Amino acid sequence: METQTEEFIKLIDQSVEIAEQMRHESEHSQRLNNVISVLQSVKNQTVLGELEASGGKSTLGLAREVSDWIEPLDAPLLKAVGAVEEYYQKHF
């Protein structure tokens, strides 16, 4: 059975992979670079045990950031970062 941290990192890695794929075919490459950077920072904080607890209320701000510019709103990246946000709020 995977730990919560392992599952969270897996969700982050999936989001990074989607963003990296999109970066090559999108006019939003700088925004995608920012999302990738934030995801990698969250992953590093998680691995080091330094990620702030959400208390069930705080978010990472990823879904809000991505939803500001991504189209369509059911894009795989938005779903992926939404899953990261949801997992963070429920388990951290």
PDB file of N, CA and C in Angstrom:
ATOM      1  N   MET A   1       0.834  -1.185   0.000  1.00  0.00           N
ATOM      2  CA  MET A   1       0.000   0.000   0.000  1.00  0.00           C
ATOM      3  C   MET A   1       0.883   1.255   0.000  1.00  0.00           C
ATOM      4  N   GLU A   2       0.518   2.215  -0.812  1.00  0.00           N
ATOM      5  CA  GLU A   2       1.300   3.441  -0.915  1.00  0.00           C
ATOM      6  C   GLU A   2       0.987   4.374   0.245  1.00  0.00           C
ATOM      7  N   THR A   3       1.994   5.113   0.629  1.00  0.00           N
ATOM      8  CA  THR A   3       1.761   6.116   1.663  1.00  0.00           C
ATOM      9  C   THR A   3       1.086   7.329   1.035  1.00  0.00           C
ATOM     10  N   GLN A   4       0.565   8.188   1.876  1.00  0.00           N
ATOM     11  CA  GLN A   4      -0.069   9.414   1.385  1.00  0.00           C
ATOM     12  C   GLN A   4       0.944  10.264   0.624  1.00  0.00           C
ATOM     13  N   THR A   5       2.164  10.304   1.125  1.00  0.00           N
ATOM     14  CA  THR A   5       3.199  11.094   0.463  1.00  0.00           C
ATOM     15  C   THR A   5       3.495  10.542  -0.925  1.00  0.00           C
ATOM     16  N   GLU A   6       3.620   9.228  -1.044  1.00  0.00           N
ATOM     17  CA  GLU A   6       3.899   8.610  -2.344  1.00  0.00           C
ATOM     18  C   GLU A   6       2.780   8.882  -3.337  1.00  0.00           C
ATOM     19  N   GLU A   7       1.548   8.782  -2.877  1.00  0.00           N
ATOM     20  CA  GLU A   7       0.398   9.039  -3.746  1.00  0.00           C
ATOM     21  C   GLU A   7       0.377  10.508  -4.180  1.00  0.00           C
ATOM     22  N   PHE A   8       0.661  11.398  -3.260  1.00  0.00           N
ATOM     23  CA  PHE A   8       0.689  12.828  -3.563  1.00  0.00           C
ATOM     24  C   PHE A   8       1.777  13.139  -4.596  1.00  0.00           C
ATOM     25  N   ILE A   9       2.945  12.571  -4.415  1.00  0.00           N
ATOM     26  CA  ILE A   9       4.050  12.783  -5.359  1.00  0.00           C
ATOM     27  C   ILE A   9       3.699  12.225  -6.728  1.00  0.00           C
ATOM     28  N   LYS A  10       3.004  11.117  -6.756  1.00  0.00           N
ATOM     29  CA  LYS A  10       2.582  10.536  -8.038  1.00  0.00           C
ATOM     30  C   LYS A  10       1.635  11.491  -8.774  1.00  0.00           C
ATOM     31  N   LEU A  11       0.706  12.110  -8.048  1.00  0.00           N
ATOM     32  CA  LEU A  11      -0.209  13.083  -8.647  1.00  0.00           C
ATOM     33  C   LEU A  11       0.552  14.310  -9.163  1.00  0.00           C
ATOM     34  N   ILE A  12       1.539  14.750  -8.403  1.00  0.00           N
ATOM     35  CA  ILE A  12       2.363  15.882  -8.837  1.00  0.00           C
ATOM     36  C   ILE A  12       3.118  15.525 -10.108  1.00  0.00           C
ATOM     37  N   ASP A  13       3.736  14.347 -10.121  1.00  0.00           N
ATOM     38  CA  ASP A  13       4.499  13.909 -11.295  1.00  0.00           C
ATOM     39  C   ASP A  13       3.618  13.821 -12.544  1.00  0.00           C
ATOM     40  N   GLN A  14       2.390  13.349 -12.377  1.00  0.00           N
ATOM     41  CA  GLN A  14       1.462  13.277 -13.512  1.00  0.00           C
ATOM     42  C   GLN A  14       1.154  14.676 -14.037  1.00  0.00           C
ATOM     43  N   SER A  15       0.964  15.617 -13.146  1.00  0.00           N
ATOM     44  CA  SER A  15       0.685  17.000 -13.545  1.00  0.00           C
ATOM     45  C   SER A  15       1.873  17.607 -14.280  1.00  0.00           C
ATOM     46  N   VAL A  16       3.072  17.365 -13.779  1.00  0.00           N
ATOM     47  CA  VAL A  16       4.281  17.876 -14.426  1.00  0.00           C
ATOM     48  C   VAL A  16       4.413  17.286 -15.826  1.00  0.00           C
ATOM     49  N   GLU A  17       4.154  15.997 -15.950  1.00  0.00           N
ATOM     50  CA  GLU A  17       4.256  15.337 -17.254  1.00  0.00           C
ATOM     51  C   GLU A  17       3.291  15.955 -18.268  1.00  0.00           C
ATOM     52  N   ILE A  18       2.064  16.197 -17.854  1.00  0.00           N
ATOM     53  CA  ILE A  18       1.069  16.812 -18.743  1.00  0.00           C
ATOM     54  C   ILE A  18       1.508  18.220 -19.132  1.00  0.00           C
ATOM     55  N   ALA A  19       1.977  18.991 -18.156  1.00  0.00           N
ATOM     56  CA  ALA A  19       2.417  20.371 -18.428  1.00  0.00           C
ATOM     57  C   ALA A  19       3.609  20.390 -19.379  1.00  0.00           C
ATOM     58  N   GLU A  20       4.538  19.466 -19.196  1.00  0.00           N
ATOM     59  CA  GLU A  20       5.711  19.409 -20.080  1.00  0.00           C
ATOM     60  C   GLU A  20       5.306  19.058 -21.505  1.00  0.00           C
ATOM     61  N   GLN A  21       4.346  18.166 -21.657  1.00  0.00           N
ATOM     62  CA  GLN A  21       3.856  17.816 -22.995  1.00  0.00           C
ATOM     63  C   GLN A  21       3.185  19.016 -23.650  1.00  0.00           C
ATOM     64  N   MET A  22       2.417  19.757 -22.879  1.00  0.00           N
ATOM     65  CA  MET A  22       1.701  20.924 -23.407  1.00  0.00           C
ATOM     66  C   MET A  22       2.648  22.059 -23.763  1.00  0.00           C
ATOM     67  N   ARG A  23       3.738  22.170 -23.038  1.00  0.00           N
ATOM     68  CA  ARG A  23       4.668  23.285 -23.204  1.00  0.00           C
ATOM     69  C   ARG A  23       5.189  23.386 -24.636  1.00  0.00           C
ATOM     70  N   HIS A  24       5.328  22.262 -25.304  1.00  0.00           N
ATOM     71  CA  HIS A  24       5.877  22.241 -26.662  1.00  0.00           C
ATOM     72  C   HIS A  24       4.870  22.657 -27.723  1.00  0.00           C
ATOM     73  N   GLU A  25       3.601  22.665 -27.375  1.00  0.00           N
ATOM     74  CA  GLU A  25       2.577  22.975 -28.371  1.00  0.00           C
ATOM     75  C   GLU A  25       1.607  24.058 -27.903  1.00  0.00           C
ATOM     76  N   SER A  26       2.069  24.918 -27.035  1.00  0.00           N
ATOM     77  CA  SER A  26       1.176  25.926 -26.466  1.00  0.00           C
ATOM     78  C   SER A  26       1.806  27.308 -26.513  1.00  0.00           C
ATOM     79  N   GLU A  27       0.948  28.301 -26.667  1.00  0.00           N
ATOM     80  CA  GLU A  27       1.421  29.683 -26.611  1.00  0.00           C
ATOM     81  C   GLU A  27       1.605  30.133 -25.157  1.00  0.00           C
ATOM     82  N   HIS A  28       1.257  29.286 -24.228  1.00  0.00           N
ATOM     83  CA  HIS A  28       1.360  29.601 -22.801  1.00  0.00           C
ATOM     84  C   HIS A  28       2.594  28.963 -22.170  1.00  0.00           C
ATOM     85  N   SER A  29       3.679  28.866 -22.911  1.00  0.00           N
ATOM     86  CA  SER A  29       4.853  28.142 -22.407  1.00  0.00           C
ATOM     87  C   SER A  29       5.410  28.763 -21.119  1.00  0.00           C
ATOM     88  N   GLN A  30       5.389  30.075 -20.984  1.00  0.00           N
ATOM     89  CA  GLN A  30       5.896  30.693 -19.749  1.00  0.00           C
ATOM     90  C   GLN A  30       5.001  30.342 -18.561  1.00  0.00           C
ATOM     91  N   ARG A  31       3.715  30.356 -18.775  1.00  0.00           N
ATOM     92  CA  ARG A  31       2.790  29.989 -17.688  1.00  0.00           C
ATOM     93  C   ARG A  31       2.970  28.517 -17.315  1.00  0.00           C
ATOM     94  N   LEU A  32       3.170  27.685 -18.323  1.00  0.00           N
ATOM     95  CA  LEU A  32       3.405  26.267 -18.061  1.00  0.00           C
ATOM     96  C   LEU A  32       4.718  26.073 -17.307  1.00  0.00           C
ATOM     97  N   ASN A  33       5.734  26.839 -17.666  1.00  0.00           N
ATOM     98  CA  ASN A  33       7.001  26.777 -16.928  1.00  0.00           C
ATOM     99  C   ASN A  33       6.792  27.136 -15.465  1.00  0.00           C
ATOM    100  N   ASN A  34       5.969  28.142 -15.206  1.00  0.00           N
ATOM    101  CA  ASN A  34       5.673  28.544 -13.828  1.00  0.00           C
ATOM    102  C   ASN A  34       4.949  27.438 -13.067  1.00  0.00           C
ATOM    103  N   VAL A  35       3.971  26.807 -13.717  1.00  0.00           N
ATOM    104  CA  VAL A  35       3.222  25.718 -13.083  1.00  0.00           C
ATOM    105  C   VAL A  35       4.168  24.561 -12.760  1.00  0.00           C
ATOM    106  N   ILE A  36       5.022  24.222 -13.713  1.00  0.00           N
ATOM    107  CA  ILE A  36       5.986  23.130 -13.504  1.00  0.00           C
ATOM    108  C   ILE A  36       6.905  23.468 -12.340  1.00  0.00           C
ATOM    109  N   SER A  37       7.373  24.701 -12.281  1.00  0.00           N
ATOM    110  CA  SER A  37       8.254  25.131 -11.201  1.00  0.00           C
ATOM    111  C   SER A  37       7.576  25.013  -9.837  1.00  0.00           C
ATOM    112  N   VAL A  38       6.332  25.448  -9.757  1.00  0.00           N
ATOM    113  CA  VAL A  38       5.595  25.370  -8.488  1.00  0.00           C
ATOM    114  C   VAL A  38       5.369  23.907  -8.099  1.00  0.00           C
ATOM    115  N   LEU A  39       4.987  23.080  -9.066  1.00  0.00           N
ATOM    116  CA  LEU A  39       4.769  21.657  -8.781  1.00  0.00           C
ATOM    117  C   LEU A  39       6.057  21.003  -8.272  1.00  0.00           C
ATOM    118  N   GLN A  40       7.173  21.312  -8.891  1.00  0.00           N
ATOM    119  CA  GLN A  40       8.446  20.735  -8.456  1.00  0.00           C
ATOM    120  C   GLN A  40       8.829  21.230  -7.065  1.00  0.00           C
ATOM    121  N   SER A  41       8.518  22.486  -6.772  1.00  0.00           N
ATOM    122  CA  SER A  41       8.783  23.025  -5.444  1.00  0.00           C
ATOM    123  C   SER A  41       7.926  22.323  -4.387  1.00  0.00           C
ATOM    124  N   VAL A  42       6.660  22.113  -4.694  1.00  0.00           N
ATOM    125  CA  VAL A  42       5.759  21.409  -3.769  1.00  0.00           C
ATOM    126  C   VAL A  42       6.256  19.985  -3.552  1.00  0.00           C
ATOM    127  N   LYS A  43       6.694  19.347  -4.628  1.00  0.00           N
ATOM    128  CA  LYS A  43       7.226  17.983  -4.508  1.00  0.00           C
ATOM    129  C   LYS A  43       8.449  17.963  -3.594  1.00  0.00           C
ATOM    130  N   ASN A  44       9.373  18.903  -3.800  1.00  0.00           N
ATOM    131  CA  ASN A  44      10.577  18.960  -2.970  1.00  0.00           C
ATOM    132  C   ASN A  44      10.224  19.207  -1.505  1.00  0.00           C
ATOM    133  N   GLN A  45       9.292  20.119  -1.247  1.00  0.00           N
ATOM    134  CA  GLN A  45       8.870  20.391   0.131  1.00  0.00           C
ATOM    135  C   GLN A  45       8.241  19.152   0.755  1.00  0.00           C
ATOM    136  N   THR A  46       7.485  18.407  -0.044  1.00  0.00           N
ATOM    137  CA  THR A  46       6.832  17.196   0.450  1.00  0.00           C
ATOM    138  C   THR A  46       7.869  16.147   0.820  1.00  0.00           C
ATOM    139  N   VAL A  47       8.835  15.939  -0.071  1.00  0.00           N
ATOM    140  CA  VAL A  47       9.883  14.943   0.169  1.00  0.00           C
ATOM    141  C   VAL A  47      10.685  15.296   1.428  1.00  0.00           C
ATOM    142  N   LEU A  48      10.951  16.579   1.617  1.00  0.00           N
ATOM    143  CA  LEU A  48      11.728  17.026   2.779  1.00  0.00           C
ATOM    144  C   LEU A  48      10.886  17.152   4.050  1.00  0.00           C
ATOM    145  N   GLY A  49       9.580  16.931   3.935  1.00  0.00           N
ATOM    146  CA  GLY A  49       8.699  17.051   5.091  1.00  0.00           C
ATOM    147  C   GLY A  49       8.455  18.489   5.497  1.00  0.00           C
ATOM    148  N   GLU A  50       8.600  19.416   4.568  1.00  0.00           N
ATOM    149  CA  GLU A  50       8.472  20.841   4.870  1.00  0.00           C
ATOM    150  C   GLU A  50       7.204  21.479   4.306  1.00  0.00           C
ATOM    151  N   LEU A  51       6.319  20.681   3.731  1.00  0.00           N
ATOM    152  CA  LEU A  51       5.091  21.230   3.158  1.00  0.00           C
ATOM    153  C   LEU A  51       4.142  21.638   4.276  1.00  0.00           C
ATOM    154  N   GLU A  52       3.677  22.878   4.202  1.00  0.00           N
ATOM    155  CA  GLU A  52       2.743  23.365   5.216  1.00  0.00           C
ATOM    156  C   GLU A  52       1.445  22.579   5.154  1.00  0.00           C
ATOM    157  N   ALA A  53       0.875  22.301   6.294  1.00  0.00           N
ATOM    158  CA  ALA A  53      -0.405  21.596   6.351  1.00  0.00           C
ATOM    159  C   ALA A  53      -1.516  22.505   5.842  1.00  0.00           C
ATOM    160  N   SER A  54      -2.462  21.915   5.145  1.00  0.00           N
ATOM    161  CA  SER A  54      -3.575  22.706   4.617  1.00  0.00           C
ATOM    162  C   SER A  54      -4.653  22.933   5.660  1.00  0.00           C
ATOM    163  N   GLY A  55      -4.728  22.037   6.628  1.00  0.00           N
ATOM    164  CA  GLY A  55      -5.786  22.130   7.618  1.00  0.00           C
ATOM    165  C   GLY A  55      -7.161  21.961   7.004  1.00  0.00           C
ATOM    166  N   GLY A  56      -7.192  21.380   5.792  1.00  0.00           N
ATOM    167  CA  GLY A  56      -8.451  21.187   5.093  1.00  0.00           C
ATOM    168  C   GLY A  56      -8.999  22.449   4.458  1.00  0.00           C
ATOM    169  N   LYS A  57      -8.253  23.552   4.575  1.00  0.00           N
ATOM    170  CA  LYS A  57      -8.744  24.826   4.065  1.00  0.00           C
ATOM    171  C   LYS A  57      -7.812  25.463   3.043  1.00  0.00           C
ATOM    172  N   SER A  58      -6.531  25.441   3.315  1.00  0.00           N
ATOM    173  CA  SER A  58      -5.568  26.073   2.414  1.00  0.00           C
ATOM    174  C   SER A  58      -5.451  25.294   1.108  1.00  0.00           C
ATOM    175  N   THR A  59      -5.125  26.026   0.055  1.00  0.00           N
ATOM    176  CA  THR A  59      -4.860  25.391  -1.233  1.00  0.00           C
ATOM    177  C   THR A  59      -3.450  25.758  -1.669  1.00  0.00           C
ATOM    178  N   LEU A  60      -3.011  25.140  -2.732  1.00  0.00           N
ATOM    179  CA  LEU A  60      -1.705  25.462  -3.297  1.00  0.00           C
ATOM    180  C   LEU A  60      -1.817  26.572  -4.333  1.00  0.00           C
ATOM    181  N   GLY A  61      -3.033  26.902  -4.752  1.00  0.00           N
ATOM    182  CA  GLY A  61      -3.268  27.944  -5.740  1.00  0.00           C
ATOM    183  C   GLY A  61      -3.065  27.505  -7.176  1.00  0.00           C
ATOM    184  N   LEU A  62      -2.773  26.237  -7.379  1.00  0.00           N
ATOM    185  CA  LEU A  62      -2.492  25.739  -8.729  1.00  0.00           C
ATOM    186  C   LEU A  62      -3.717  25.744  -9.623  1.00  0.00           C
ATOM    187  N   ALA A  63      -4.817  25.213  -9.118  1.00  0.00           N
ATOM    188  CA  ALA A  63      -6.027  25.116  -9.943  1.00  0.00           C
ATOM    189  C   ALA A  63      -6.517  26.510 -10.337  1.00  0.00           C
ATOM    190  N   ARG A  64      -6.451  27.435  -9.424  1.00  0.00           N
ATOM    191  CA  ARG A  64      -6.880  28.808  -9.710  1.00  0.00           C
ATOM    192  C   ARG A  64      -5.991  29.420 -10.786  1.00  0.00           C
ATOM    193  N   GLU A  65      -4.689  29.239 -10.646  1.00  0.00           N
ATOM    194  CA  GLU A  65      -3.736  29.784 -11.625  1.00  0.00           C
ATOM    195  C   GLU A  65      -3.982  29.202 -13.012  1.00  0.00           C
ATOM    196  N   VAL A  66      -4.113  27.891 -13.091  1.00  0.00           N
ATOM    197  CA  VAL A  66      -4.286  27.238 -14.392  1.00  0.00           C
ATOM    198  C   VAL A  66      -5.632  27.603 -15.004  1.00  0.00           C
ATOM    199  N   SER A  67      -6.674  27.677 -14.192  1.00  0.00           N
ATOM    200  CA  SER A  67      -8.004  27.968 -14.730  1.00  0.00           C
ATOM    201  C   SER A  67      -8.103  29.388 -15.288  1.00  0.00           C
ATOM    202  N   ASP A  68      -7.189  30.272 -14.890  1.00  0.00           N
ATOM    203  CA  ASP A  68      -7.190  31.644 -15.400  1.00  0.00           C
ATOM    204  C   ASP A  68      -6.877  31.729 -16.890  1.00  0.00           C
ATOM    205  N   TRP A  69      -6.137  30.752 -17.418  1.00  0.00           N
ATOM    206  CA  TRP A  69      -5.698  30.872 -18.812  1.00  0.00           C
ATOM    207  C   TRP A  69      -5.935  29.631 -19.676  1.00  0.00           C
ATOM    208  N   ILE A  70      -6.250  28.505 -19.078  1.00  0.00           N
ATOM    209  CA  ILE A  70      -6.359  27.280 -19.872  1.00  0.00           C
ATOM    210  C   ILE A  70      -7.729  27.162 -20.513  1.00  0.00           C
ATOM    211  N   GLU A  71      -7.737  26.627 -21.703  1.00  0.00           N
ATOM    212  CA  GLU A  71      -8.984  26.312 -22.394  1.00  0.00           C
ATOM    213  C   GLU A  71      -8.803  24.990 -23.091  1.00  0.00           C
ATOM    214  N   PRO A  72      -9.800  24.162 -23.105  1.00  0.00           N
ATOM    215  CA  PRO A  72     -11.094  24.275 -22.417  1.00  0.00           C
ATOM    216  C   PRO A  72     -10.931  24.005 -20.927  1.00  0.00           C
ATOM    217  N   LEU A  73     -11.961  24.305 -20.181  1.00  0.00           N
ATOM    218  CA  LEU A  73     -11.892  24.148 -18.732  1.00  0.00           C
ATOM    219  C   LEU A  73     -11.918  22.699 -18.273  1.00  0.00           C
ATOM    220  N   ASP A  74     -12.077  21.764 -19.195  1.00  0.00           N
ATOM    221  CA  ASP A  74     -11.963  20.353 -18.836  1.00  0.00           C
ATOM    222  C   ASP A  74     -10.643  19.772 -19.350  1.00  0.00           C
ATOM    223  N   ALA A  75      -9.653  20.643 -19.536  1.00  0.00           N
ATOM    224  CA  ALA A  75      -8.338  20.238 -20.023  1.00  0.00           C
ATOM    225  C   ALA A  75      -7.673  19.271 -19.035  1.00  0.00           C
ATOM    226  N   PRO A  76      -6.902  18.328 -19.546  1.00  0.00           N
ATOM    227  CA  PRO A  76      -6.230  17.356 -18.673  1.00  0.00           C
ATOM    228  C   PRO A  76      -5.346  17.995 -17.597  1.00  0.00           C
ATOM    229  N   LEU A  77      -4.674  19.087 -17.916  1.00  0.00           N
ATOM    230  CA  LEU A  77      -3.813  19.717 -16.915  1.00  0.00           C
ATOM    231  C   LEU A  77      -4.635  20.277 -15.764  1.00  0.00           C
ATOM    232  N   LEU A  78      -5.748  20.888 -16.062  1.00  0.00           N
ATOM    233  CA  LEU A  78      -6.588  21.440 -14.997  1.00  0.00           C
ATOM    234  C   LEU A  78      -7.138  20.317 -14.120  1.00  0.00           C
ATOM    235  N   LYS A  79      -7.519  19.217 -14.723  1.00  0.00           N
ATOM    236  CA  LYS A  79      -7.980  18.066 -13.945  1.00  0.00           C
ATOM    237  C   LYS A  79      -6.861  17.522 -13.061  1.00  0.00           C
ATOM    238  N   ALA A  80      -5.647  17.459 -13.622  1.00  0.00           N
ATOM    239  CA  ALA A  80      -4.509  16.913 -12.879  1.00  0.00           C
ATOM    240  C   ALA A  80      -4.138  17.797 -11.687  1.00  0.00           C
ATOM    241  N   VAL A  81      -4.045  19.111 -11.902  1.00  0.00           N
ATOM    242  CA  VAL A  81      -3.700  19.979 -10.772  1.00  0.00           C
ATOM    243  C   VAL A  81      -4.864  20.056  -9.779  1.00  0.00           C
ATOM    244  N   GLY A  82      -6.080  19.893 -10.266  1.00  0.00           N
ATOM    245  CA  GLY A  82      -7.230  19.825  -9.363  1.00  0.00           C
ATOM    246  C   GLY A  82      -7.135  18.622  -8.444  1.00  0.00           C
ATOM    247  N   ALA A  83      -6.653  17.493  -8.990  1.00  0.00           N
ATOM    248  CA  ALA A  83      -6.470  16.283  -8.180  1.00  0.00           C
ATOM    249  C   ALA A  83      -5.372  16.495  -7.139  1.00  0.00           C
ATOM    250  N   VAL A  84      -4.314  17.209  -7.507  1.00  0.00           N
ATOM    251  CA  VAL A  84      -3.246  17.537  -6.552  1.00  0.00           C
ATOM    252  C   VAL A  84      -3.817  18.391  -5.424  1.00  0.00           C
ATOM    253  N   GLU A  85      -4.576  19.419  -5.787  1.00  0.00           N
ATOM    254  CA  GLU A  85      -5.179  20.309  -4.783  1.00  0.00           C
ATOM    255  C   GLU A  85      -6.110  19.534  -3.839  1.00  0.00           C
ATOM    256  N   GLU A  86      -6.958  18.707  -4.416  1.00  0.00           N
ATOM    257  CA  GLU A  86      -7.913  17.945  -3.606  1.00  0.00           C
ATOM    258  C   GLU A  86      -7.187  17.014  -2.635  1.00  0.00           C
ATOM    259  N   TYR A  87      -6.180  16.324  -3.127  1.00  0.00           N
ATOM    260  CA  TYR A  87      -5.429  15.401  -2.279  1.00  0.00           C
ATOM    261  C   TYR A  87      -4.723  16.168  -1.156  1.00  0.00           C
ATOM    262  N   TYR A  88      -4.156  17.302  -1.501  1.00  0.00           N
ATOM    263  CA  TYR A  88      -3.474  18.139  -0.500  1.00  0.00           C
ATOM    264  C   TYR A  88      -4.439  18.535   0.618  1.00  0.00           C
ATOM    265  N   GLN A  89      -5.622  18.986   0.237  1.00  0.00           N
ATOM    266  CA  GLN A  89      -6.593  19.437   1.253  1.00  0.00           C
ATOM    267  C   GLN A  89      -7.094  18.286   2.108  1.00  0.00           C
ATOM    268  N   LYS A  90      -7.246  17.119   1.531  1.00  0.00           N
ATOM    269  CA  LYS A  90      -7.791  15.993   2.294  1.00  0.00           C
ATOM    270  C   LYS A  90      -6.757  15.294   3.171  1.00  0.00           C
ATOM    271  N   HIS A  91      -5.488  15.288   2.737  1.00  0.00           N
ATOM    272  CA  HIS A  91      -4.508  14.434   3.393  1.00  0.00           C
ATOM    273  C   HIS A  91      -3.324  15.171   4.026  1.00  0.00           C
ATOM    274  N   PHE A  92      -3.248  16.473   3.843  1.00  0.00           N
ATOM    275  CA  PHE A  92      -2.099  17.201   4.416  1.00  0.00           C
ATOM    276  C   PHE A  92      -2.553  18.362   5.279  1.00  0.00           C
TER     277      PHE A  92
END
